[in-house]
Every structure is written in C-alpha cells, then in structure tokens.
Amino acid sequence: MARGYLEDAAYSLREAYEALAEERHHRAVRRAQESVELSLKAALRLLGVEHPREHDVSGVLSEVAQYKELPGWFRSELDVVNTISKELAEARGPAFYGDEGAFIPPMQLYTREDARKAVDGAEKVYNLCNKLFKWWREKIRG
C-alpha cells in the first residue's frame, strides 16, 4: 500500500509541475496538495498506522512519531512537513472551487508564487517520505 501511495504521490507531483509550467496555478496547488496527502498517508501505512479519511494527516503523523521509531533526519523535518500539509489542505477547497461567496473562480485565486511554494513544499514532503520508505526497506532487510 505504501509503495502505491508513493507512486501516486510522484504522479501528482509531476502533474503539479506540468500545471505550473502551463500557468494553471490553481491546478498546481491542487496537485501539490494531493501529492503531500498521498506521501504522508504512505508514511503512515509504512509505520503500520491506518490513516484517517481526511486530507490533512499531519496531526496523526506527529502523534505516531512519539511512539514509533523514525530516523532523526525525518523527525527533524516534522514541523515543516506539518506546516506544508496544513497550508495545502486549507488551500484544497478554494483551489478546486474558488471563492464561491465572492464568485471568484479558482484560477483567479492563486499566483505563480503561490503555486511555486505549493509545488516546492510537495516536492520536499515527497522526497522525505520516499527516503523514509527506502530507510524502512533497509531496516527490515537487516
């Protein structure tokens, strides 16, 4: 399961880069959020934890980190990972639907800088979770 989630996270990240290149900033934010969500759910699966059916699982990952063995390099990035996940989860709805109350479509809500920040954050989270997966595989091989 974890490997499948990571593969999907990588695909979403590629789509985020494509959307950024095409200046579809709201789509880049959406795909970046999806990549982060799948990356973190892969990490939870890897640790044997059933993830909640919600878009921001950073709180669960922080709880799990208190009692599961994790490498120091991953632990030291948890605050940053949590911030990225929370920010992108909050942006998810507007990136899909826009600001319905103000009748602003999603493509008018996000700038290139917003999209770049989202994609950079997603890449960081994906790389950390992919590295965690490799660490875990080596650990179980002994």
Protein backbone atom coordinates (compact mmCIF):
# COMPACT_ATOMS: atom_id res chain seq x y z
CA MET A 1 0.00 0.00 0.00
CA ALA A 2 2.73 2.47 0.95
CA ARG A 3 4.55 1.95 -2.34
CA GLY A 4 1.33 2.52 -4.29
CA TYR A 5 0.62 5.73 -2.41
CA LEU A 6 4.15 6.97 -3.10
CA GLU A 7 3.84 6.16 -6.80
CA ASP A 8 0.58 8.12 -6.95
CA ALA A 9 2.18 10.97 -4.98
CA ALA A 10 5.00 11.12 -7.54
CA TYR A 11 2.48 11.21 -10.38
CA SER A 12 0.52 14.02 -8.71
CA LEU A 13 3.77 15.92 -8.20
CA ARG A 14 4.60 15.60 -11.92
CA GLU A 15 1.12 16.91 -12.72
CA ALA A 16 1.71 19.83 -10.35
CA TYR A 17 4.90 20.71 -12.22
CA GLU A 18 3.06 20.49 -15.54
CA ALA A 19 0.29 22.76 -14.26
CA LEU A 20 2.89 25.23 -13.02
CA ALA A 21 4.59 25.25 -16.42
CA GLU A 22 1.22 25.87 -18.09
CA GLU A 23 0.46 28.67 -15.60
CA ARG A 24 -2.58 26.84 -14.26
CA HIS A 25 -1.67 27.88 -10.74
CA HIS A 26 -4.80 26.60 -9.01
CA ARG A 27 -4.24 23.17 -10.55
CA ALA A 28 -0.62 23.18 -9.39
CA VAL A 29 -1.82 23.88 -5.84
CA ARG A 30 -4.43 21.10 -6.07
CA ARG A 31 -1.98 18.53 -7.37
CA ALA A 32 0.66 19.57 -4.85
CA GLN A 33 -1.85 19.07 -2.03
CA GLU A 34 -2.74 15.64 -3.39
CA SER A 35 0.93 14.68 -3.56
CA VAL A 36 1.50 15.74 0.05
CA GLU A 37 -1.58 13.88 1.26
CA LEU A 38 -0.56 10.67 -0.51
CA SER A 39 3.06 10.97 0.63
CA LEU A 40 2.06 11.32 4.27
CA LYS A 41 -0.50 8.52 4.04
CA ALA A 42 2.26 6.34 2.58
CA ALA A 43 4.44 7.15 5.60
CA LEU A 44 1.63 6.23 7.98
CA ARG A 45 0.97 2.95 6.14
CA LEU A 46 4.66 2.19 6.26
CA LEU A 47 4.55 2.58 10.03
CA GLY A 48 1.54 0.28 10.28
CA VAL A 49 -0.94 3.04 11.07
CA GLU A 50 -4.37 3.28 9.48
CA HIS A 51 -4.69 6.84 8.25
CA PRO A 52 -7.85 8.87 8.82
CA ARG A 53 -10.06 9.64 5.83
CA GLU A 54 -9.19 13.32 5.76
CA HIS A 55 -6.89 15.49 3.69
CA ASP A 56 -4.52 16.69 6.43
CA VAL A 57 -2.98 13.79 8.36
CA SER A 58 -0.08 15.77 9.81
CA GLY A 59 -1.51 15.63 13.33
CA VAL A 60 -1.66 11.84 13.20
CA LEU A 61 1.90 11.67 11.94
CA SER A 62 3.05 13.84 14.86
CA GLU A 63 1.27 11.56 17.34
CA VAL A 64 2.74 8.44 15.75
CA ALA A 65 6.22 9.96 15.86
CA GLN A 66 6.00 9.93 19.66
CA TYR A 67 5.98 6.13 19.84
CA LYS A 68 7.27 4.79 16.51
CA GLU A 69 10.90 4.54 15.53
CA LEU A 70 11.75 7.21 12.98
CA PRO A 71 15.16 8.38 11.77
CA GLY A 72 16.39 11.68 13.17
CA TRP A 73 16.52 13.33 9.73
CA PHE A 74 12.77 12.67 9.33
CA ARG A 75 11.85 13.73 12.86
CA SER A 76 13.74 16.99 12.46
CA GLU A 77 11.55 17.90 9.47
CA LEU A 78 8.16 17.07 11.03
CA ASP A 79 7.27 20.66 11.92
CA VAL A 80 7.96 21.80 8.36
CA VAL A 81 6.06 18.83 6.92
CA ASN A 82 3.09 19.55 9.19
CA THR A 83 3.01 23.20 8.14
CA ILE A 84 3.11 22.29 4.45
CA SER A 85 0.34 19.73 4.89
CA LYS A 86 -1.92 22.09 6.85
CA GLU A 87 -1.46 25.00 4.46
CA LEU A 88 -2.14 22.90 1.39
CA ALA A 89 -5.13 21.15 2.98
CA GLU A 90 -6.62 24.59 3.67
CA ALA A 91 -5.98 25.63 0.06
CA ARG A 92 -7.51 22.45 -1.36
CA GLY A 93 -11.15 23.61 -1.42
CA PRO A 94 -10.52 27.05 -2.90
CA ALA A 95 -8.13 25.53 -5.46
CA PHE A 96 -10.98 23.27 -6.60
CA TYR A 97 -13.99 25.53 -6.28
CA GLY A 98 -12.73 29.09 -5.97
CA ASP A 99 -14.29 31.56 -3.56
CA GLU A 100 -17.94 30.76 -4.10
CA GLY A 101 -19.14 33.51 -1.78
CA ALA A 102 -17.29 36.19 -3.74
CA PHE A 103 -17.87 34.49 -7.12
CA ILE A 104 -14.13 34.24 -7.79
CA PRO A 105 -13.08 31.19 -9.83
CA PRO A 106 -10.08 29.17 -8.63
CA MET A 107 -7.84 30.30 -11.47
CA GLN A 108 -8.02 33.87 -10.15
CA LEU A 109 -7.12 32.99 -6.56
CA TYR A 110 -3.55 31.76 -6.96
CA THR A 111 -0.40 33.42 -8.26
CA ARG A 112 2.70 31.82 -9.72
CA GLU A 113 4.39 32.38 -6.35
CA ASP A 114 1.56 30.53 -4.57
CA ALA A 115 1.85 27.64 -6.99
CA ARG A 116 5.65 27.57 -6.79
CA LYS A 117 5.53 27.45 -2.98
CA ALA A 118 2.97 24.64 -3.08
CA VAL A 119 4.97 22.57 -5.56
CA ASP A 120 8.24 23.12 -3.70
CA GLY A 121 6.58 22.03 -0.46
CA ALA A 122 5.10 18.96 -2.11
CA GLU A 123 8.48 18.00 -3.52
CA LYS A 124 10.07 18.33 -0.08
CA VAL A 125 7.41 16.14 1.55
CA TYR A 126 7.53 13.56 -1.23
CA ASN A 127 11.33 13.32 -1.08
CA LEU A 128 11.29 12.89 2.70
CA CYS A 129 8.61 10.19 2.56
CA ASN A 130 10.34 8.39 -0.29
CA LYS A 131 13.60 8.47 1.68
CA LEU A 132 11.70 7.12 4.71
CA PHE A 133 10.40 4.27 2.56
CA LYS A 134 13.96 3.39 1.48
CA TRP A 135 15.17 3.62 5.09
CA TRP A 136 12.39 1.31 6.23
CA ARG A 137 13.15 -1.25 3.48
CA GLU A 138 16.80 -1.35 4.53
CA LYS A 139 15.81 -1.64 8.17
CA ILE A 140 13.59 -4.68 7.63
CA ARG A 141 16.20 -6.34 5.42
CA GLY A 142 18.56 -6.05 8.37
